[in-house]
Amino acid sequence: MSPKKSISDQFEEARLLFSVAQSDEEAATLLAGVNYSPEALAEGQALYDATVDTRTAVMAAHGNQLTTTRRVNTLREQADNNYKALARMARAAFAGDIKTLETLGLRTRGRLSRSQAAFLDRSRLLYNAALGNPVILEGLSQVGYSQERLEAEQAVIRELEAADVEQERYKAEYKVRVGEQRTALEALKNWVSRFKQIVRAAYPDRPGLLRKLGL
């Protein structure tokens, strides 16, 4: 199989070859003459089946990754909006209170990093400080941020953390499955390539056979 062919084309070429080789009586007889017995063909079929399985696993892993990525993006947007609103309100409620603003992690200067790790870090700091300090909690409750509201928003952060871990796991799994597929395709390609060379060399005067086998 040519490496330039798409994966689907490679599958179709192999599927046709094995289907004809194993079901066509004339083809089976001629192939047995060059040591492609039913047992030898079964070995090639097993390679094909294994490659199909890796393809299925790749698509499943990719689907999991995409689904989790969408969830991470949704949670990140929600958490980001919550964080910004709370930060604005806290800065207003505790304006001039350097100690409290420092405790909440709100005295940073310059552009904040948009990385997931940096966002989660400052979000944990803000909500943990707000919920862990009775004075800060009381001050925030006076401007619409009750303990219940803060805990609900903190729960979104925790969901995001869990989803982020899951996303990374699926990314890693997808890479592994792609590698397995690449290895399986290479083995199948080599088997089919040798098969084609031998059969073409053995039966150049059998164009009908070659056409049936997709050669």
C-alpha atoms as a PDB file:
ATOM      1  CA  MET A   1       0.000   0.000   0.000  1.00  0.00           C
ATOM      2  CA  SER A   2       1.291   3.426  -0.890  1.00  0.00           C
ATOM      3  CA  PRO A   3       2.048   5.602   2.144  1.00  0.00           C
ATOM      4  CA  LYS A   4       0.328   8.453   0.315  1.00  0.00           C
ATOM      5  CA  LYS A   5      -3.001   6.672   0.457  1.00  0.00           C
ATOM      6  CA  SER A   6      -5.490   7.720   3.096  1.00  0.00           C
ATOM      7  CA  ILE A   7      -6.132   5.365   5.972  1.00  0.00           C
ATOM      8  CA  SER A   8      -9.591   4.599   4.621  1.00  0.00           C
ATOM      9  CA  ASP A   9      -8.113   3.746   1.206  1.00  0.00           C
ATOM     10  CA  GLN A  10      -5.583   1.443   2.842  1.00  0.00           C
ATOM     11  CA  PHE A  11      -8.345  -0.323   4.720  1.00  0.00           C
ATOM     12  CA  GLU A  12     -10.455  -0.706   1.593  1.00  0.00           C
ATOM     13  CA  GLU A  13      -7.546  -2.098  -0.416  1.00  0.00           C
ATOM     14  CA  ALA A  14      -6.797  -4.702   2.268  1.00  0.00           C
ATOM     15  CA  ARG A  15     -10.465  -5.546   2.801  1.00  0.00           C
ATOM     16  CA  LEU A  16     -10.968  -6.243  -0.910  1.00  0.00           C
ATOM     17  CA  LEU A  17      -7.806  -8.309  -1.124  1.00  0.00           C
ATOM     18  CA  PHE A  18      -8.679 -10.570   1.794  1.00  0.00           C
ATOM     19  CA  SER A  19     -12.308 -10.860   0.800  1.00  0.00           C
ATOM     20  CA  VAL A  20     -11.482 -12.120  -2.682  1.00  0.00           C
ATOM     21  CA  ALA A  21      -8.498 -14.220  -1.609  1.00  0.00           C
ATOM     22  CA  GLN A  22     -10.563 -16.083   0.949  1.00  0.00           C
ATOM     23  CA  SER A  23     -13.854 -16.428  -0.914  1.00  0.00           C
ATOM     24  CA  ASP A  24     -12.945 -16.838  -4.583  1.00  0.00           C
ATOM     25  CA  GLU A  25     -12.156 -20.488  -5.368  1.00  0.00           C
ATOM     26  CA  GLU A  26      -9.942 -19.763  -8.384  1.00  0.00           C
ATOM     27  CA  ALA A  27      -8.000 -17.090  -6.500  1.00  0.00           C
ATOM     28  CA  ALA A  28      -7.556 -19.354  -3.484  1.00  0.00           C
ATOM     29  CA  THR A  29      -6.135 -22.148  -5.662  1.00  0.00           C
ATOM     30  CA  LEU A  30      -3.678 -19.879  -7.460  1.00  0.00           C
ATOM     31  CA  LEU A  31      -2.577 -18.167  -4.266  1.00  0.00           C
ATOM     32  CA  ALA A  32      -1.936 -21.497  -2.578  1.00  0.00           C
ATOM     33  CA  GLY A  33       0.549 -22.136  -5.371  1.00  0.00           C
ATOM     34  CA  VAL A  34       2.750 -19.314  -4.078  1.00  0.00           C
ATOM     35  CA  ASN A  35       2.444 -20.284  -0.411  1.00  0.00           C
ATOM     36  CA  TYR A  36      -0.561 -18.102   0.354  1.00  0.00           C
ATOM     37  CA  SER A  37      -2.533 -20.904   1.946  1.00  0.00           C
ATOM     38  CA  PRO A  38      -5.674 -20.225   4.003  1.00  0.00           C
ATOM     39  CA  GLU A  39      -3.443 -20.181   7.088  1.00  0.00           C
ATOM     40  CA  ALA A  40      -1.080 -17.626   5.540  1.00  0.00           C
ATOM     41  CA  LEU A  41      -4.004 -15.477   4.472  1.00  0.00           C
ATOM     42  CA  ALA A  42      -5.451 -15.739   7.968  1.00  0.00           C
ATOM     43  CA  GLU A  43      -2.264 -14.165   9.306  1.00  0.00           C
ATOM     44  CA  GLY A  44      -2.752 -11.214   6.989  1.00  0.00           C
ATOM     45  CA  GLN A  45      -6.432 -11.035   7.924  1.00  0.00           C
ATOM     46  CA  ALA A  46      -5.434 -10.893  11.592  1.00  0.00           C
ATOM     47  CA  LEU A  47      -3.194  -7.917  10.844  1.00  0.00           C
ATOM     48  CA  TYR A  48      -6.083  -6.225   9.056  1.00  0.00           C
ATOM     49  CA  ASP A  49      -8.478  -6.921  11.929  1.00  0.00           C
ATOM     50  CA  ALA A  50      -5.974  -5.590  14.463  1.00  0.00           C
ATOM     51  CA  THR A  51      -5.519  -2.427  12.415  1.00  0.00           C
ATOM     52  CA  VAL A  52      -9.279  -1.890  12.245  1.00  0.00           C
ATOM     53  CA  ASP A  53      -9.400  -2.275  16.026  1.00  0.00           C
ATOM     54  CA  THR A  54      -6.692   0.359  16.482  1.00  0.00           C
ATOM     55  CA  ARG A  55      -8.609   2.702  14.197  1.00  0.00           C
ATOM     56  CA  THR A  56     -11.726   2.263  16.325  1.00  0.00           C
ATOM     57  CA  ALA A  57      -9.696   2.930  19.470  1.00  0.00           C
ATOM     58  CA  VAL A  58      -8.196   6.088  17.944  1.00  0.00           C
ATOM     59  CA  MET A  59     -11.587   7.504  17.055  1.00  0.00           C
ATOM     60  CA  ALA A  60     -12.999   6.669  20.492  1.00  0.00           C
ATOM     61  CA  ALA A  61     -10.048   8.317  22.244  1.00  0.00           C
ATOM     62  CA  HIS A  62     -10.327  11.377  20.010  1.00  0.00           C
ATOM     63  CA  GLY A  63     -14.036  11.612  20.759  1.00  0.00           C
ATOM     64  CA  ASN A  64     -13.343  11.476  24.490  1.00  0.00           C
ATOM     65  CA  GLN A  65     -10.711  14.177  24.138  1.00  0.00           C
ATOM     66  CA  LEU A  66     -13.000  16.484  22.168  1.00  0.00           C
ATOM     67  CA  THR A  67     -15.886  15.980  24.598  1.00  0.00           C
ATOM     68  CA  THR A  68     -13.698  16.724  27.599  1.00  0.00           C
ATOM     69  CA  THR A  69     -12.138  19.729  25.879  1.00  0.00           C
ATOM     70  CA  ARG A  70     -15.587  21.210  25.305  1.00  0.00           C
ATOM     71  CA  ARG A  71     -16.401  20.644  28.966  1.00  0.00           C
ATOM     72  CA  VAL A  72     -13.145  22.263  30.055  1.00  0.00           C
ATOM     73  CA  ASN A  73     -13.803  25.274  27.826  1.00  0.00           C
ATOM     74  CA  THR A  74     -17.345  25.678  29.167  1.00  0.00           C
ATOM     75  CA  LEU A  75     -16.236  25.414  32.782  1.00  0.00           C
ATOM     76  CA  ARG A  76     -13.274  27.728  32.174  1.00  0.00           C
ATOM     77  CA  GLU A  77     -15.538  30.422  30.751  1.00  0.00           C
ATOM     78  CA  GLN A  78     -17.952  30.104  33.667  1.00  0.00           C
ATOM     79  CA  ALA A  79     -15.177  30.091  36.253  1.00  0.00           C
ATOM     80  CA  ASP A  80     -13.400  32.993  34.571  1.00  0.00           C
ATOM     81  CA  ASN A  81     -16.547  35.117  34.604  1.00  0.00           C
ATOM     82  CA  ASN A  82     -17.169  34.259  38.262  1.00  0.00           C
ATOM     83  CA  TYR A  83     -13.582  35.079  39.207  1.00  0.00           C
ATOM     84  CA  LYS A  84     -13.566  38.429  37.447  1.00  0.00           C
ATOM     85  CA  ALA A  85     -16.877  39.477  39.016  1.00  0.00           C
ATOM     86  CA  LEU A  86     -15.753  38.481  42.513  1.00  0.00           C
ATOM     87  CA  ALA A  87     -12.367  40.138  42.072  1.00  0.00           C
ATOM     88  CA  ARG A  88     -14.009  43.403  40.988  1.00  0.00           C
ATOM     89  CA  MET A  89     -16.384  43.343  43.924  1.00  0.00           C
ATOM     90  CA  ALA A  90     -13.670  42.440  46.429  1.00  0.00           C
ATOM     91  CA  ARG A  91     -11.451  45.268  45.205  1.00  0.00           C
ATOM     92  CA  ALA A  92     -14.357  47.668  45.640  1.00  0.00           C
ATOM     93  CA  ALA A  93     -15.434  46.292  49.020  1.00  0.00           C
ATOM     94  CA  PHE A  94     -11.904  46.304  50.443  1.00  0.00           C
ATOM     95  CA  ALA A  95     -10.494  49.316  48.623  1.00  0.00           C
ATOM     96  CA  GLY A  96      -7.453  50.596  50.466  1.00  0.00           C
ATOM     97  CA  ASP A  97      -7.227  47.471  52.646  1.00  0.00           C
ATOM     98  CA  ILE A  98      -3.854  46.277  51.414  1.00  0.00           C
ATOM     99  CA  LYS A  99      -3.664  43.304  53.786  1.00  0.00           C
ATOM    100  CA  THR A 100      -7.019  41.880  52.713  1.00  0.00           C
ATOM    101  CA  LEU A 101      -6.386  42.421  49.034  1.00  0.00           C
ATOM    102  CA  GLU A 102      -3.008  40.720  49.399  1.00  0.00           C
ATOM    103  CA  THR A 103      -4.647  37.811  51.204  1.00  0.00           C
ATOM    104  CA  LEU A 104      -7.101  37.461  48.334  1.00  0.00           C
ATOM    105  CA  GLY A 105      -4.302  37.601  45.773  1.00  0.00           C
ATOM    106  CA  LEU A 106      -5.694  40.764  44.217  1.00  0.00           C
ATOM    107  CA  ARG A 107      -2.683  43.064  44.430  1.00  0.00           C
ATOM    108  CA  THR A 108      -0.941  41.638  41.376  1.00  0.00           C
ATOM    109  CA  ARG A 109       0.332  44.041  38.750  1.00  0.00           C
ATOM    110  CA  GLY A 110       0.672  43.658  35.005  1.00  0.00           C
ATOM    111  CA  ARG A 111      -1.020  41.234  32.645  1.00  0.00           C
ATOM    112  CA  LEU A 112      -2.254  38.038  34.255  1.00  0.00           C
ATOM    113  CA  SER A 113      -1.264  34.767  32.669  1.00  0.00           C
ATOM    114  CA  ARG A 114      -4.101  33.049  30.800  1.00  0.00           C
ATOM    115  CA  SER A 115      -2.631  29.601  31.301  1.00  0.00           C
ATOM    116  CA  GLN A 116      -4.883  27.043  32.945  1.00  0.00           C
ATOM    117  CA  ALA A 117      -2.421  26.460  35.771  1.00  0.00           C
ATOM    118  CA  ALA A 118      -2.096  30.170  36.565  1.00  0.00           C
ATOM    119  CA  PHE A 119      -5.850  30.719  36.440  1.00  0.00           C
ATOM    120  CA  LEU A 120      -6.569  27.776  38.726  1.00  0.00           C
ATOM    121  CA  ASP A 121      -3.900  28.955  41.157  1.00  0.00           C
ATOM    122  CA  ARG A 122      -5.276  32.477  41.560  1.00  0.00           C
ATOM    123  CA  SER A 123      -8.853  31.180  41.659  1.00  0.00           C
ATOM    124  CA  ARG A 124      -8.057  28.742  44.459  1.00  0.00           C
ATOM    125  CA  LEU A 125      -6.320  31.538  46.360  1.00  0.00           C
ATOM    126  CA  LEU A 126      -9.242  33.929  45.993  1.00  0.00           C
ATOM    127  CA  TYR A 127     -12.003  31.524  47.001  1.00  0.00           C
ATOM    128  CA  ASN A 128     -10.040  29.768  49.737  1.00  0.00           C
ATOM    129  CA  ALA A 129      -9.145  33.105  51.293  1.00  0.00           C
ATOM    130  CA  ALA A 130     -12.675  34.450  50.999  1.00  0.00           C
ATOM    131  CA  LEU A 131     -14.223  31.363  52.583  1.00  0.00           C
ATOM    132  CA  GLY A 132     -11.455  30.775  55.116  1.00  0.00           C
ATOM    133  CA  ASN A 133     -11.444  34.207  56.721  1.00  0.00           C
ATOM    134  CA  PRO A 134     -14.555  35.172  58.708  1.00  0.00           C
ATOM    135  CA  VAL A 135     -13.844  38.900  58.401  1.00  0.00           C
ATOM    136  CA  ILE A 136     -13.455  38.731  54.631  1.00  0.00           C
ATOM    137  CA  LEU A 137     -16.497  36.468  54.357  1.00  0.00           C
ATOM    138  CA  GLU A 138     -18.579  38.914  56.344  1.00  0.00           C
ATOM    139  CA  GLY A 139     -17.419  41.832  54.199  1.00  0.00           C
ATOM    140  CA  LEU A 140     -18.280  40.002  50.986  1.00  0.00           C
ATOM    141  CA  SER A 141     -21.668  38.915  52.316  1.00  0.00           C
ATOM    142  CA  GLN A 142     -22.564  42.601  52.614  1.00  0.00           C
ATOM    143  CA  VAL A 143     -22.103  43.034  48.848  1.00  0.00           C
ATOM    144  CA  GLY A 144     -24.006  40.005  47.605  1.00  0.00           C
ATOM    145  CA  TYR A 145     -21.459  37.229  48.066  1.00  0.00           C
ATOM    146  CA  SER A 146     -22.910  34.895  50.672  1.00  0.00           C
ATOM    147  CA  GLN A 147     -21.057  31.806  51.824  1.00  0.00           C
ATOM    148  CA  GLU A 148     -23.407  29.687  49.717  1.00  0.00           C
ATOM    149  CA  ARG A 149     -22.666  31.683  46.589  1.00  0.00           C
ATOM    150  CA  LEU A 150     -18.926  31.520  47.147  1.00  0.00           C
ATOM    151  CA  GLU A 151     -19.065  27.765  47.747  1.00  0.00           C
ATOM    152  CA  ALA A 152     -21.112  27.262  44.586  1.00  0.00           C
ATOM    153  CA  GLU A 153     -18.582  29.215  42.549  1.00  0.00           C
ATOM    154  CA  GLN A 154     -15.718  27.385  44.218  1.00  0.00           C
ATOM    155  CA  ALA A 155     -17.360  24.107  43.179  1.00  0.00           C
ATOM    156  CA  VAL A 156     -17.079  25.221  39.545  1.00  0.00           C
ATOM    157  CA  ILE A 157     -13.335  25.670  40.053  1.00  0.00           C
ATOM    158  CA  ARG A 158     -13.075  22.147  41.419  1.00  0.00           C
ATOM    159  CA  GLU A 159     -15.070  20.793  38.490  1.00  0.00           C
ATOM    160  CA  LEU A 160     -12.693  22.586  36.152  1.00  0.00           C
ATOM    161  CA  GLU A 161      -9.684  21.086  37.944  1.00  0.00           C
ATOM    162  CA  ALA A 162     -11.119  17.576  37.594  1.00  0.00           C
ATOM    163  CA  ALA A 163     -12.059  18.113  33.949  1.00  0.00           C
ATOM    164  CA  ASP A 164      -8.611  19.508  33.196  1.00  0.00           C
ATOM    165  CA  VAL A 165      -6.972  16.366  34.617  1.00  0.00           C
ATOM    166  CA  GLU A 166      -9.345  14.198  32.608  1.00  0.00           C
ATOM    167  CA  GLN A 167      -8.603  16.164  29.445  1.00  0.00           C
ATOM    168  CA  GLU A 168      -4.875  15.616  29.861  1.00  0.00           C
ATOM    169  CA  ARG A 169      -5.472  11.915  30.392  1.00  0.00           C
ATOM    170  CA  TYR A 170      -7.482  11.655  27.192  1.00  0.00           C
ATOM    171  CA  LYS A 171      -4.857  13.645  25.284  1.00  0.00           C
ATOM    172  CA  ALA A 172      -2.224  11.140  26.403  1.00  0.00           C
ATOM    173  CA  GLU A 173      -4.461   8.198  25.558  1.00  0.00           C
ATOM    174  CA  TYR A 174      -5.133   9.595  22.091  1.00  0.00           C
ATOM    175  CA  LYS A 175      -1.409   9.888  21.388  1.00  0.00           C
ATOM    176  CA  VAL A 176      -0.879   6.297  22.497  1.00  0.00           C
ATOM    177  CA  ARG A 177      -3.721   5.034  20.285  1.00  0.00           C
ATOM    178  CA  VAL A 178      -2.393   6.958  17.291  1.00  0.00           C
ATOM    179  CA  GLY A 179       0.985   5.337  17.825  1.00  0.00           C
ATOM    180  CA  GLU A 180      -0.594   1.897  18.000  1.00  0.00           C
ATOM    181  CA  GLN A 181      -2.513   2.596  14.808  1.00  0.00           C
ATOM    182  CA  ARG A 182       0.659   3.737  13.037  1.00  0.00           C
ATOM    183  CA  THR A 183       2.449   0.534  14.046  1.00  0.00           C
ATOM    184  CA  ALA A 184      -0.465  -1.667  13.000  1.00  0.00           C
ATOM    185  CA  LEU A 185      -0.835   0.097   9.657  1.00  0.00           C
ATOM    186  CA  GLU A 186       2.863  -0.310   8.947  1.00  0.00           C
ATOM    187  CA  ALA A 187       2.684  -4.046   9.624  1.00  0.00           C
ATOM    188  CA  LEU A 188      -0.372  -4.398   7.388  1.00  0.00           C
ATOM    189  CA  LYS A 189       1.218  -2.267   4.670  1.00  0.00           C
ATOM    190  CA  ASN A 190       4.328  -4.450   4.642  1.00  0.00           C
ATOM    191  CA  TRP A 191       2.279  -7.655   4.462  1.00  0.00           C
ATOM    192  CA  VAL A 192       0.133  -6.379   1.597  1.00  0.00           C
ATOM    193  CA  SER A 193       3.134  -4.967  -0.249  1.00  0.00           C
ATOM    194  CA  ARG A 194       4.931  -8.332  -0.199  1.00  0.00           C
ATOM    195  CA  PHE A 195       1.726 -10.111  -1.208  1.00  0.00           C
ATOM    196  CA  LYS A 196       1.303  -7.832  -4.206  1.00  0.00           C
ATOM    197  CA  GLN A 197       4.887  -8.235  -5.342  1.00  0.00           C
ATOM    198  CA  ILE A 198       4.757 -12.020  -5.171  1.00  0.00           C
ATOM    199  CA  VAL A 199       1.354 -12.414  -6.826  1.00  0.00           C
ATOM    200  CA  ARG A 200       2.179  -9.976  -9.626  1.00  0.00           C
ATOM    201  CA  ALA A 201       5.477 -11.760 -10.253  1.00  0.00           C
ATOM    202  CA  ALA A 202       3.825 -15.190 -10.208  1.00  0.00           C
ATOM    203  CA  TYR A 203       0.780 -14.409 -12.375  1.00  0.00           C
ATOM    204  CA  PRO A 204       1.540 -11.621 -14.865  1.00  0.00           C
ATOM    205  CA  ASP A 205      -0.564 -13.581 -17.365  1.00  0.00           C
ATOM    206  CA  ARG A 206      -3.611 -13.543 -15.082  1.00  0.00           C
ATOM    207  CA  PRO A 207      -4.898  -9.961 -15.351  1.00  0.00           C
ATOM    208  CA  GLY A 208      -8.350 -11.091 -14.240  1.00  0.00           C
ATOM    209  CA  LEU A 209      -6.970 -12.412 -10.976  1.00  0.00           C
ATOM    210  CA  LEU A 210      -4.956  -9.266 -10.384  1.00  0.00           C
ATOM    211  CA  ARG A 211      -7.983  -7.065 -11.044  1.00  0.00           C
ATOM    212  CA  LYS A 212     -10.128  -9.094  -8.662  1.00  0.00           C
ATOM    213  CA  LEU A 213      -7.525  -8.714  -5.944  1.00  0.00           C
ATOM    214  CA  GLY A 214      -7.284  -4.984  -6.579  1.00  0.00           C
ATOM    215  CA  LEU A 215      -3.706  -5.262  -7.825  1.00  0.00           C
END
